[in-house]
Protein backbone atom coordinates (compact mmCIF):
# COMPACT_ATOMS: atom_id res chain seq x y z
CA MET A 1 -8.69 88.78 -239.35
CA GLY A 2 -5.97 86.90 -239.91
CA TYR A 3 -4.17 90.89 -240.56
CA VAL A 4 -4.79 92.29 -237.19
CA VAL A 5 -3.57 88.71 -235.60
CA HIS A 6 -0.22 89.38 -237.63
CA LEU A 7 0.03 92.89 -236.62
CA ILE A 8 -0.58 91.34 -232.29
CA ASN A 9 2.32 88.82 -233.46
CA LEU A 10 4.46 91.66 -234.86
CA ILE A 11 4.15 94.03 -231.83
CA LEU A 12 4.91 91.02 -229.44
CA VAL A 13 8.08 90.05 -231.21
CA TYR A 14 9.49 94.02 -231.42
CA SER A 15 8.39 93.95 -227.59
CA ILE A 16 10.23 91.30 -226.70
CA LEU A 17 13.43 93.58 -228.47
CA GLY A 18 12.43 96.78 -227.42
CA ILE A 19 12.40 95.49 -224.09
CA SER A 20 16.22 93.46 -224.23
CA MET A 21 17.33 96.86 -226.21
CA ASN A 22 16.02 98.79 -223.10
CA LEU A 23 18.04 96.51 -220.73
CA LEU A 24 21.52 97.53 -222.43
CA LEU A 25 20.18 101.76 -223.45
CA GLY A 26 17.74 102.16 -220.88
CA TYR A 27 19.00 100.56 -217.47
CA THR A 28 22.95 100.69 -218.37
CA GLY A 29 22.92 103.20 -220.87
CA LEU A 30 25.08 101.22 -223.24
CA ILE A 31 24.50 102.18 -227.30
CA SER A 32 24.75 99.14 -228.86
CA MET A 33 24.16 98.84 -233.08
CA THR A 34 24.00 94.91 -232.86
CA HIS A 35 21.07 93.82 -231.87
CA ALA A 36 19.53 93.54 -234.66
CA GLY A 37 22.62 91.09 -235.31
CA PHE A 38 21.57 88.79 -232.54
CA PHE A 39 17.83 88.91 -233.78
CA ALA A 40 19.66 87.52 -236.71
CA ILE A 41 21.52 84.71 -235.31
CA GLY A 42 18.81 83.71 -233.52
CA ALA A 43 16.71 83.03 -236.72
CA TYR A 44 19.15 81.67 -238.63
CA ALA A 45 19.98 79.32 -235.92
CA SER A 46 17.34 77.53 -235.21
CA ALA A 47 16.06 77.46 -239.10
CA LEU A 48 19.42 75.74 -239.59
CA MET A 49 19.21 73.21 -237.57
CA THR A 50 15.40 72.18 -237.66
CA MET A 51 15.73 71.84 -241.26
CA HIS A 52 19.26 70.00 -241.57
CA LEU A 53 19.76 68.20 -238.26
CA GLY A 54 15.88 68.13 -238.02
CA VAL A 55 15.74 68.80 -234.43
CA ASN A 56 12.71 70.54 -232.23
CA PHE A 57 11.93 74.26 -232.36
CA LEU A 58 12.80 74.31 -228.74
CA VAL A 59 16.27 72.99 -229.31
CA GLY A 60 16.91 75.41 -232.45
CA MET A 61 15.85 78.65 -229.78
CA ILE A 62 17.95 77.23 -227.49
CA ALA A 63 20.97 77.09 -229.67
CA GLY A 64 20.53 80.31 -231.30
CA VAL A 65 20.83 81.30 -227.40
CA ALA A 66 23.47 80.08 -226.81
CA ILE A 67 25.52 80.98 -230.03
CA VAL A 68 24.86 84.71 -229.27
CA SER A 69 25.97 83.75 -226.06
CA ILE A 70 29.52 82.94 -226.63
CA VAL A 71 29.37 86.06 -229.45
CA GLY A 72 28.07 88.68 -227.11
CA ILE A 73 31.07 87.62 -224.70
CA LEU A 74 33.70 87.99 -227.70
CA ILE A 75 31.78 91.23 -228.53
CA ALA A 76 31.28 92.50 -225.55
CA ILE A 77 34.65 91.74 -223.27
CA PRO A 78 36.93 93.89 -226.00
CA ALA A 79 33.86 96.78 -227.07
CA LEU A 80 33.05 97.10 -223.05
CA ARG A 81 35.99 98.88 -222.12
CA VAL A 82 35.04 102.14 -224.49
CA ARG A 83 32.38 104.12 -223.86
CA ASP A 84 29.42 105.93 -225.01
CA GLU A 85 30.21 106.86 -229.31
CA TYR A 86 33.29 104.17 -229.64
CA LEU A 87 31.45 101.52 -228.57
CA MET A 88 28.40 102.82 -230.78
CA LEU A 89 30.84 102.77 -233.46
CA PHE A 90 32.55 99.39 -232.72
CA THR A 91 29.17 97.25 -232.49
CA LEU A 92 27.57 98.70 -235.92
CA ALA A 93 31.26 97.64 -237.38
CA VAL A 94 29.91 94.21 -235.53
CA GLN A 95 26.54 94.65 -237.01
CA MET A 96 28.20 95.38 -240.45
CA VAL A 97 29.99 92.26 -239.83
CA ILE A 98 27.13 89.84 -239.17
CA PHE A 99 24.57 91.07 -242.15
CA SER A 100 27.59 90.87 -244.53
CA THR A 101 28.31 86.52 -243.29
CA LEU A 102 24.49 86.37 -244.52
CA THR A 103 25.01 88.14 -247.57
CA THR A 104 27.93 86.32 -249.10
CA ASN A 105 27.32 82.75 -250.91
CA VAL A 106 27.74 80.31 -248.39
CA GLU A 107 24.58 77.96 -249.57
CA ASP A 108 22.92 77.49 -246.13
CA LEU A 109 23.02 80.62 -245.64
CA GLY A 110 21.13 81.35 -248.71
CA GLY A 111 23.02 84.78 -249.39
CA THR A 112 20.54 87.66 -250.30
CA THR A 113 17.50 85.42 -250.73
CA GLY A 114 17.60 84.08 -247.49
CA ILE A 115 15.93 81.09 -246.03
CA ILE A 116 13.07 78.97 -247.45
CA GLY A 117 10.65 76.56 -246.61
CA ILE A 118 11.68 76.85 -242.19
CA PRO A 119 9.62 74.19 -240.57
CA ALA A 120 6.78 75.69 -238.45
CA ALA A 121 7.23 75.68 -235.05
CA ALA A 122 5.74 72.44 -233.48
CA ILE A 123 5.98 71.87 -228.74
CA PHE A 124 4.31 68.40 -227.16
CA GLY A 125 2.46 67.66 -230.64
CA LEU A 126 1.61 70.94 -231.26
CA ARG A 127 1.68 72.39 -234.73
CA PHE A 128 1.75 76.01 -235.37
CA SER A 129 0.64 77.36 -238.67
CA GLY A 130 -1.15 80.77 -239.74
CA PRO A 131 -1.46 83.69 -237.18
CA VAL A 132 -3.65 83.14 -235.54
CA SER A 133 -2.05 79.76 -234.50
CA TYR A 134 0.92 81.15 -233.54
CA LEU A 135 -0.70 83.51 -231.71
CA PRO A 136 -0.70 82.04 -227.71
CA LEU A 137 2.75 80.52 -228.81
CA ILE A 138 4.59 84.04 -229.71
CA PHE A 139 1.96 85.39 -226.11
CA VAL A 140 4.11 82.93 -224.34
CA PHE A 141 7.59 83.87 -225.28
CA PHE A 142 6.66 87.76 -225.20
CA GLY A 143 5.26 86.58 -221.15
CA LEU A 144 8.40 85.08 -220.48
CA CYS A 145 10.97 87.39 -221.53
CA LEU A 146 8.99 89.97 -220.23
CA ALA A 147 8.84 88.40 -215.93
CA ALA A 148 12.07 87.65 -216.79
CA MET A 149 13.47 91.76 -217.94
CA TRP A 150 10.71 92.35 -214.66
CA ARG A 151 13.16 90.72 -212.06
CA LEU A 152 16.13 91.64 -213.94
CA THR A 153 15.39 95.30 -213.45
CA SER A 154 13.70 95.40 -210.15
CA SER A 155 16.23 93.50 -207.96
CA PRO A 156 19.63 94.42 -207.20
CA PHE A 157 21.14 93.73 -209.91
CA GLY A 158 19.20 95.79 -212.04
CA ARG A 159 20.01 98.58 -209.64
CA VAL A 160 23.60 97.83 -209.72
CA LEU A 161 22.61 98.67 -213.88
CA LYS A 162 21.13 101.75 -213.18
CA ALA A 163 23.41 103.39 -210.67
CA ILE A 164 26.17 102.09 -213.78
CA ARG A 165 24.39 104.19 -215.92
CA ASP A 166 24.55 107.12 -213.48
CA ASP A 167 28.25 107.14 -212.70
CA GLU A 168 30.58 104.27 -213.10
CA THR A 169 32.87 105.97 -211.50
CA ALA A 170 31.38 106.14 -207.77
CA VAL A 171 29.90 102.21 -208.86
CA ARG A 172 34.00 101.04 -209.33
CA SER A 173 34.46 102.64 -205.58
CA LEU A 174 31.58 100.52 -203.94
CA GLY A 175 33.46 97.72 -204.95
CA LYS A 176 31.37 96.36 -208.06
CA ASN A 177 32.90 94.96 -210.73
CA ILE A 178 31.34 97.23 -213.94
CA LEU A 179 33.05 95.00 -216.58
CA ARG A 180 30.92 91.60 -214.92
CA PHE A 181 27.35 93.28 -214.93
CA LYS A 182 28.33 95.01 -218.61
CA VAL A 183 29.31 91.32 -220.30
CA SER A 184 26.61 90.19 -218.07
CA VAL A 185 24.07 92.57 -219.42
CA PHE A 186 25.47 92.26 -222.56
CA VAL A 187 24.38 88.67 -223.16
CA VAL A 188 21.19 88.84 -221.39
CA ALA A 189 19.94 91.04 -223.84
CA GLY A 190 21.42 89.51 -226.91
CA ALA A 191 20.18 85.84 -225.64
CA VAL A 192 16.58 87.36 -225.34
CA ALA A 193 16.86 88.82 -228.97
CA ALA A 194 17.93 85.49 -230.44
CA VAL A 195 14.54 84.15 -228.84
CA ALA A 196 12.56 86.75 -230.58
CA GLY A 197 14.38 85.87 -233.67
CA SER A 198 13.64 82.15 -233.61
CA VAL A 199 10.12 82.52 -232.78
CA PHE A 200 9.79 85.21 -235.80
CA GLY A 201 11.61 82.95 -238.17
CA HIS A 202 9.72 80.13 -238.11
CA TYR A 203 7.04 82.51 -237.33
CA SER A 204 7.73 83.54 -241.02
CA ILE A 205 9.00 81.20 -242.59
CA SER A 206 11.29 82.67 -244.47
CA ILE A 207 14.20 84.63 -243.82
CA CYS A 208 16.15 87.01 -245.85
CA PRO A 209 19.33 89.20 -244.56
CA SER A 210 17.71 92.74 -245.83
CA THR A 211 14.97 91.92 -242.21
CA PHE A 212 18.39 92.20 -240.14
CA SER A 213 20.01 95.24 -241.44
CA ILE A 214 21.00 98.27 -239.38
CA HIS A 215 18.21 99.77 -240.29
CA GLU A 216 16.56 97.16 -237.73
CA SER A 217 18.75 98.43 -235.46
CA ILE A 218 17.50 101.82 -235.34
CA PHE A 219 14.27 100.98 -235.09
CA ILE A 220 14.71 98.30 -231.96
CA ILE A 221 16.68 101.62 -230.40
CA ALA A 222 13.11 104.06 -231.51
CA ILE A 223 11.57 101.94 -229.61
CA VAL A 224 13.00 102.35 -226.76
CA VAL A 225 13.26 106.32 -226.69
CA ILE A 226 9.99 106.62 -227.96
CA GLY A 227 8.52 104.37 -224.97
CA GLY A 228 10.55 105.53 -222.21
CA LEU A 229 14.13 104.65 -221.19
CA ALA A 230 14.71 102.26 -218.02
CA ASN A 231 10.62 101.29 -218.58
CA ILE A 232 9.82 98.26 -220.15
CA TRP A 233 6.33 99.20 -219.90
CA GLY A 234 7.34 101.84 -222.64
CA SER A 235 9.43 99.57 -224.97
CA VAL A 236 6.22 96.93 -225.19
CA VAL A 237 3.75 100.62 -226.06
CA ALA A 238 5.94 101.98 -228.45
CA ALA A 239 6.38 98.69 -230.30
CA PHE A 240 2.80 99.03 -230.53
CA LEU A 241 2.94 102.35 -231.61
CA LEU A 242 5.63 101.84 -234.32
CA VAL A 243 4.41 98.24 -235.77
CA VAL A 244 0.43 100.10 -235.85
CA VAL A 245 1.16 103.00 -237.45
CA PRO A 246 2.89 102.59 -240.61
CA GLU A 247 0.54 99.90 -241.84
CA ALA A 248 -1.93 102.32 -240.98
CA LEU A 249 -0.64 104.93 -243.63
CA THR A 250 -0.56 101.72 -246.19
CA PHE A 251 -4.10 102.97 -246.51
CA LEU A 252 -4.08 106.49 -248.16
CA PRO A 253 -5.40 106.74 -251.01
CA GLY A 254 -2.86 106.85 -254.06
CA GLY A 255 -0.51 104.80 -256.21
CA SER A 256 2.14 102.34 -254.60
CA ALA A 257 4.84 104.39 -255.27
CA GLU A 258 3.10 107.67 -253.86
CA ILE A 259 2.21 105.74 -250.66
CA GLY A 260 5.75 104.51 -249.80
CA ALA A 261 6.82 108.24 -249.84
CA ILE A 262 4.23 109.44 -247.55
CA ARG A 263 4.37 106.89 -245.46
CA MET A 264 8.15 107.81 -244.50
CA ALA A 265 7.58 111.20 -244.56
CA VAL A 266 4.38 110.70 -242.23
CA TYR A 267 6.92 108.50 -240.58
CA GLY A 268 9.46 110.67 -239.78
CA LEU A 269 7.76 113.39 -239.08
CA LEU A 270 5.84 112.04 -236.43
CA LEU A 271 8.54 111.22 -234.81
CA ILE A 272 10.90 114.59 -235.15
CA VAL A 273 7.31 116.00 -233.45
CA PHE A 274 7.72 113.42 -230.52
CA MET A 275 11.06 112.99 -230.01
CA ARG A 276 10.67 117.44 -229.65
CA PHE A 277 7.81 117.60 -226.77
CA ARG A 278 7.81 113.66 -225.27
CA SER A 279 12.00 114.05 -225.19
CA GLN A 280 11.58 111.00 -221.99
CA GLY A 281 9.54 108.57 -223.78
CA ILE A 282 5.42 108.08 -224.03
CA LEU A 283 6.01 106.69 -220.42
CA PRO A 284 8.96 108.01 -218.16
CA GLU A 285 11.23 106.02 -215.79
CA LYS A 286 9.13 107.41 -212.75
CA VAL A 287 5.94 106.38 -213.40
CA ALA A 288 7.10 102.35 -214.56
CA PHE A 289 4.29 100.01 -213.96
CA GLY A 290 5.29 97.18 -211.50
CA ARG A 291 8.22 98.96 -210.22
CA ARG A 292 9.49 97.59 -207.00
CA GLY A 293 8.93 100.52 -205.15
CA ASN A 294 11.29 100.31 -201.67
CA MET A 295 8.50 101.39 -199.27
CA HIS A 296 9.41 103.17 -195.91
CA MET A 297 10.75 100.76 -192.84
CA SER A 298 9.73 101.79 -189.19
CA LEU A 299 12.64 100.62 -187.01
CA SER A 300 11.88 100.53 -183.24
CA SER A 301 14.91 102.05 -181.38
CA GLU A 302 15.93 98.69 -180.23
CA GLU A 303 16.43 97.60 -184.46
CA LYS A 304 18.31 101.07 -184.27
CA ASN A 305 20.84 100.74 -182.22
CA GLU A 306 21.25 97.35 -182.82
CA ILE A 307 22.47 97.77 -186.42
CA LEU A 308 24.37 100.85 -185.12
CA LYS A 309 26.29 98.94 -182.95
CA SER A 310 27.84 96.79 -185.66
CA LEU A 311 29.45 100.07 -187.44
CA GLY A 312 32.43 99.66 -185.54
CA THR A 313 33.14 95.97 -186.06
CA SER A 314 31.90 94.70 -189.32
CA LEU A 315 34.98 94.74 -191.11
CA HIS A 316 36.99 96.50 -187.94
CA SER A 317 37.07 92.77 -186.41
CA ARG A 318 39.62 91.74 -189.12
CA GLY A 319 42.28 93.92 -187.57
CA SER A 320 41.40 93.06 -184.05
CA GLY A 321 44.30 92.01 -182.08
CA SER A 322 46.81 93.11 -184.30
CA ASN A 323 49.67 95.91 -184.22
CA THR A 324 49.49 96.51 -187.93
CA PRO A 325 48.53 99.63 -189.13
CA PRO A 326 45.51 99.99 -190.84
CA LEU A 327 46.98 101.73 -193.61
CA GLU A 328 50.62 102.67 -194.35
CA VAL A 329 51.73 104.36 -198.02
CA CYS A 330 55.11 103.54 -198.42
CA GLY A 331 56.92 106.07 -200.80
CA VAL A 332 54.58 106.24 -203.27
CA SER A 333 55.09 108.27 -206.44
CA LYS A 334 52.98 108.97 -209.68
CA ASN A 335 53.93 110.75 -212.83
CA PHE A 336 51.72 112.73 -215.26
CA GLU A 337 53.61 113.11 -218.01
CA GLY A 338 56.28 114.99 -216.60
CA ILE A 339 54.27 116.61 -214.03
CA ILE A 340 55.12 115.56 -210.95
CA ALA A 341 51.50 114.77 -208.32
CA ALA A 342 53.20 112.31 -205.74
CA ASP A 343 57.00 112.21 -204.67
CA ASN A 344 57.94 109.60 -202.10
CA ILE A 345 54.90 110.27 -200.00
CA SER A 346 54.78 107.73 -196.82
CA LEU A 347 52.18 108.05 -194.41
CA THR A 348 50.66 105.96 -191.71
CA LEU A 349 47.05 105.83 -190.57
CA PRO A 350 46.43 104.90 -186.54
CA GLU A 351 43.29 103.01 -185.95
CA GLY A 352 40.37 104.56 -185.21
CA LYS A 353 41.51 108.11 -185.30
CA ILE A 354 41.35 111.21 -187.89
CA THR A 355 44.18 111.98 -190.06
CA ALA A 356 44.11 115.14 -192.11
CA LEU A 357 45.51 115.67 -195.36
CA ILE A 358 46.20 119.30 -195.56
CA GLY A 359 48.32 121.83 -198.87
CA PRO A 360 47.41 123.84 -201.28
CA ASN A 361 45.74 123.38 -204.06
CA GLY A 362 47.48 120.97 -206.53
CA ALA A 363 49.59 119.52 -203.35
CA GLY A 364 48.95 115.92 -204.86
CA LYS A 365 46.10 114.96 -202.11
CA THR A 366 43.18 113.99 -203.99
CA THR A 367 46.30 112.13 -206.38
CA LEU A 368 47.13 110.23 -203.28
CA PHE A 369 43.37 109.29 -202.70
CA ASN A 370 43.64 107.51 -206.49
CA LEU A 371 46.75 105.83 -205.68
CA ILE A 372 45.80 104.30 -202.28
CA THR A 373 42.10 103.22 -203.76
CA GLY A 374 43.40 102.29 -207.53
CA PHE A 375 41.60 104.19 -209.51
CA GLU A 376 45.86 105.55 -210.63
CA LYS A 377 48.31 103.36 -210.72
CA VAL A 378 51.40 104.02 -208.97
CA ASP A 379 54.84 104.86 -210.32
CA GLY A 380 56.43 103.64 -207.26
CA GLY A 381 55.56 102.61 -204.15
CA ARG A 382 53.72 100.61 -202.29
CA VAL A 383 49.83 100.73 -200.52
CA LEU A 384 49.12 98.02 -197.16
CA LEU A 385 46.37 97.16 -195.87
CA ARG A 386 45.94 95.73 -192.19
CA GLY A 387 49.48 94.36 -193.75
CA ARG A 388 48.48 92.96 -197.01
CA GLU A 389 49.63 94.94 -200.34
CA ILE A 390 47.17 96.03 -202.41
CA THR A 391 48.90 98.64 -204.80
CA LYS A 392 47.74 96.61 -208.13
CA PHE A 393 44.14 95.92 -207.22
CA PRO A 394 41.64 97.94 -209.15
CA PRO A 395 39.35 99.99 -207.31
CA HIS A 396 36.61 97.35 -206.56
CA VAL A 397 38.54 94.95 -204.91
CA VAL A 398 40.27 97.42 -203.15
CA SER A 399 36.48 98.84 -201.68
CA LYS A 400 35.69 94.64 -201.26
CA LEU A 401 38.76 94.38 -199.07
CA GLY A 402 37.93 97.00 -196.49
CA ILE A 403 38.49 100.41 -197.43
CA GLY A 404 35.55 103.10 -198.56
CA ARG A 405 36.25 106.61 -200.40
CA SER A 406 34.16 109.97 -201.83
CA PHE A 407 35.67 111.83 -204.19
CA GLN A 408 36.17 115.71 -204.83
CA GLU A 409 32.92 116.13 -206.25
CA VAL A 410 29.74 114.85 -204.53
CA ARG A 411 28.71 111.54 -206.35
CA VAL A 412 25.67 110.08 -205.16
CA PHE A 413 23.20 108.08 -207.81
CA PRO A 414 20.28 111.45 -209.24
CA GLY A 415 18.18 109.38 -210.76
CA MET A 416 17.44 107.12 -207.62
CA SER A 417 16.04 107.30 -204.71
CA VAL A 418 18.25 108.03 -201.70
CA LEU A 419 17.15 104.38 -199.87
CA ASP A 420 18.33 102.62 -203.57
CA ASN A 421 21.25 104.77 -203.57
CA ILE A 422 22.17 103.65 -199.51
CA LEU A 423 21.22 99.31 -200.95
CA VAL A 424 23.42 99.77 -203.90
CA SER A 425 26.05 99.86 -201.64
CA PHE A 426 25.99 96.70 -199.66
CA ALA A 427 28.64 94.57 -200.93
CA ASN A 428 28.03 90.50 -201.49
CA GLN A 429 24.38 90.81 -202.04
CA ARG A 430 22.97 87.93 -203.98
CA GLY A 431 20.96 89.54 -205.72
CA GLU A 432 23.39 91.09 -208.03
CA ARG A 433 24.13 87.11 -209.55
CA LEU A 434 22.08 86.07 -212.01
CA PHE A 435 21.72 82.55 -210.69
CA PRO A 436 20.55 83.22 -207.26
CA LEU A 437 18.73 85.72 -208.87
CA PHE A 438 16.68 83.35 -210.90
CA PHE A 439 16.88 80.13 -208.92
CA GLN A 440 17.57 81.34 -205.26
CA PRO A 441 14.93 83.96 -204.95
CA TRP A 442 13.80 83.29 -201.53
CA ARG A 443 17.49 84.10 -200.28
CA VAL A 444 17.65 86.84 -202.97
CA PHE A 445 14.61 88.67 -200.88
CA GLY A 446 15.05 87.48 -197.51
CA GLN A 447 18.79 89.95 -198.08
CA GLU A 448 16.98 92.04 -199.30
CA GLU A 449 15.04 92.87 -196.17
CA ARG A 450 17.53 92.37 -193.83
CA ASN A 451 19.17 95.05 -196.27
CA CYS A 452 16.68 97.66 -196.65
CA ARG A 453 16.57 97.62 -192.57
CA ARG A 454 20.01 98.33 -192.97
CA ALA A 455 19.74 100.65 -194.92
CA MET A 456 16.91 102.95 -193.06
CA ALA A 457 19.46 102.91 -190.04
CA TYR A 458 22.02 104.34 -191.60
CA LEU A 459 19.96 107.09 -193.23
CA ASP A 460 18.29 107.69 -189.42
CA PHE A 461 21.93 107.86 -188.22
CA VAL A 462 22.58 110.58 -191.26
CA GLY A 463 19.40 111.95 -190.33
CA LEU A 464 17.12 111.33 -194.25
CA ALA A 465 15.16 108.68 -193.13
CA GLU A 466 12.39 110.82 -194.17
CA LYS A 467 13.75 111.11 -197.44
CA SER A 468 14.14 107.30 -198.42
CA GLN A 469 11.86 107.77 -201.39
CA GLU A 470 12.78 111.39 -202.69
CA ALA A 471 15.71 111.16 -205.79
CA ALA A 472 18.79 111.60 -204.82
CA GLY A 473 19.51 113.84 -207.39
CA ASP A 474 16.63 116.76 -205.72
CA LEU A 475 18.39 116.42 -202.18
CA SER A 476 20.24 119.98 -201.26
CA PHE A 477 24.32 119.79 -201.55
CA ALA A 478 24.82 119.12 -197.61
CA GLU A 479 21.34 116.35 -197.46
CA GLN A 480 23.80 114.45 -200.39
CA LYS A 481 27.30 114.86 -198.38
CA LEU A 482 25.44 113.32 -195.69
CA LEU A 483 23.73 110.51 -198.16
CA VAL A 484 27.47 110.06 -199.01
CA PHE A 485 28.33 109.14 -195.88
CA ALA A 486 25.06 107.17 -195.26
CA CYS A 487 26.63 105.29 -198.59
CA LEU A 488 30.23 104.61 -197.24
CA LEU A 489 28.95 102.88 -193.76
CA ALA A 490 26.91 100.62 -196.15
CA THR A 491 30.34 99.35 -197.38
CA GLU A 492 30.58 98.44 -194.04
CA ALA A 493 34.42 99.60 -194.90
CA ASP A 494 36.69 100.44 -191.65
CA VAL A 495 39.21 102.66 -193.79
CA LEU A 496 37.55 105.77 -194.38
CA LEU A 497 38.53 108.18 -197.22
CA ILE A 498 37.05 111.52 -197.13
CA ASP A 499 37.86 114.66 -199.47
CA GLU A 500 35.97 117.50 -199.13
CA VAL A 501 34.29 117.09 -196.23
CA VAL A 502 32.83 120.51 -195.85
CA SER A 503 33.53 122.15 -198.82
CA GLY A 504 30.26 123.94 -200.22
CA VAL A 505 28.52 123.16 -197.46
CA ASP A 506 26.85 125.58 -195.70
CA PRO A 507 28.32 127.04 -192.34
CA LYS A 508 24.67 125.83 -190.69
CA ALA A 509 25.07 122.20 -191.46
CA ILE A 510 28.78 122.16 -190.85
CA GLY A 511 28.05 121.20 -187.32
CA GLY A 512 26.09 118.21 -188.07
CA ILE A 513 28.85 116.38 -190.58
CA LEU A 514 31.77 117.22 -187.84
CA ASP A 515 29.50 115.52 -185.44
CA LEU A 516 28.95 112.56 -187.54
CA ILE A 517 32.57 111.94 -188.72
CA GLY A 518 33.40 112.24 -184.58
CA GLN A 519 31.42 109.40 -183.84
CA LEU A 520 32.13 107.36 -187.02
CA SER A 521 35.79 107.34 -185.48
CA ALA A 522 33.92 107.32 -182.35
CA SER A 523 32.65 103.63 -183.67
CA GLY A 524 36.08 102.39 -184.45
CA LYS A 525 36.67 103.73 -187.79
CA THR A 526 40.06 104.29 -189.42
CA ILE A 527 39.51 107.70 -191.30
CA LEU A 528 41.59 109.85 -193.50
CA ILE A 529 40.36 113.16 -194.69
CA ILE A 530 41.29 115.83 -197.12
CA GLU A 531 39.72 119.96 -195.89
CA HIS A 532 41.06 123.18 -196.93
CA ASN A 533 38.77 124.11 -194.33
CA LEU A 534 41.60 124.51 -191.16
CA ASP A 535 39.34 125.12 -188.40
CA VAL A 536 37.21 121.76 -189.60
CA VAL A 537 40.88 120.09 -189.10
CA LYS A 538 41.70 121.41 -186.15
CA GLY A 539 38.49 120.57 -184.75
CA ILE A 540 38.02 116.97 -185.83
CA ALA A 541 42.19 115.56 -186.90
CA ASP A 542 44.16 113.77 -184.62
CA TRP A 543 47.05 113.62 -186.93
CA THR A 544 48.02 115.49 -189.71
CA TYR A 545 49.99 115.73 -192.70
CA PHE A 546 51.17 118.33 -194.56
CA LEU A 547 51.06 117.96 -198.47
CA ALA A 548 53.22 120.29 -201.03
CA GLN A 549 54.37 120.10 -204.31
CA GLY A 550 53.68 116.00 -204.21
CA HIS A 551 55.26 115.30 -200.83
CA VAL A 552 54.59 115.44 -197.70
CA VAL A 553 56.87 119.01 -196.11
CA ALA A 554 55.47 118.35 -192.45
CA THR A 555 53.48 115.71 -189.82
CA GLY A 556 52.04 117.02 -186.40
CA THR A 557 49.20 117.84 -184.45
CA PRO A 558 46.93 119.88 -186.28
CA SER A 559 47.81 123.19 -184.07
CA GLU A 560 51.30 121.97 -184.38
CA LEU A 561 51.33 122.53 -188.29
CA MET A 562 49.18 125.83 -188.36
CA SER A 563 52.02 127.20 -185.63
CA ASP A 564 54.44 127.33 -188.28
CA ALA A 565 55.30 130.18 -190.05
CA LYS A 566 56.36 128.68 -193.63
CA LEU A 567 53.80 126.61 -193.00
CA ALA A 568 51.75 128.98 -193.81
CA GLU A 569 53.51 130.31 -196.30
CA ILE A 570 53.36 127.58 -198.71
CA TYR A 571 49.92 127.50 -197.77
CA PHE A 572 48.73 130.86 -198.11
CA GLY A 573 51.28 131.93 -200.21
CA ALA A 574 52.28 134.83 -198.32
């Protein structure tokens, strides 16, 4: 009986480690090799404080969490400025540093022997000793960590994490500070791993560095991958399998050396077979138990109209009563290692009008969009938003100030529902901050309900209300274009930069998209478009700038520019 309970306790501990790692790898797409190091810090910190300072087990746990949070911030800020294999290598180096520190001859750490004689946990006069006694305690911490992870992942905060995983560039264009979210999730995941370490250390009575080696980090990643990315319940199931199966293999007949070899061979074979035929994990993301589903909301016509009336007034009101143009580009230049992409470009967008950028491929149109929105640094010149210089602002700040943009390629979040794509686009959501999320849930819930209604109104406006629960990646190309427009509405920006308005769209769908842009302009939005279809430009644009070789060669109405033979020669090369 004691042996079975011991296995259950280990399953619960590794479940905590798995769901915390899933927050990083599954939801945010960050590959970290430092999780065993965080596990170790929690265990060692709690053990040392209770042994040498005589503090309560919970105090030692809190200290471990605090230390891991500080270490996590120090690691995350430089580490999260790189991606993929570089992040993995950086965190691997940190893991090696932590492991090497534990094996040094520092007396309190115990060297390779570790720490022996850790006091048993005691809470409110209750002293825990042995597997059966520890089971309720470990289960309580497992439940608390599971509830916290569920709250995070089923909230606006978790929605941003999944958006970051799908497309960081698009998230930045929606006004989200990517680094803040990454540092937050890195610290939270590490803190939860420290909780598991503290519980494990006191339960085991003794700890040694070999328990927290790089192999342990790989094992935790295996729990996440096999259980299912972005599915916290999958991590629990995988923890059960990966703890129980190796233990069951010890009962194979034979000598101890033979059993060890057979055990590892069978274990490795099972992993290979599983990953070959079930690469999405035991419980894929789409069947996550307890996942919040956004119910389709039926809005009355009056409610829809009331929401849509605010399209032109939400942020546009900031410029009312002023003659300052919404957007001015003053002599902007950009040089890419000798290639001049923008050469002293100047333009002014009139209030509530549609302005077009036309010109041959390579003229610098998309580069200009990137310079305006902060995705590229300006070498010279200025960008003014209602008279305020925004030249050196990063993309998420530019978006918050009132400039929304689309990209040359359609950027949606394919792994999220259509409705969630809209919801993640709203600015200033309380649920995207940790304190309100956990300590002001009523306010978060109220705002989420309002945002859901607004999102459904925007989807109805673009004709996608019936597809609100479908995955964005399953939409047709034209529908994804419409979804991008709905996301732009959700940002409530009053200046919209739309790249390649109808490129790749079925001709039958072009009329609907142009009508939509016309309605946005009529509502008061100031719009700048890039489009190669000159008939489209002539049909919707009020004013046009012609770019060639990085500078403006002509400006006027679409009809005036299209009737110029010299411009036609530049554009068509004939």
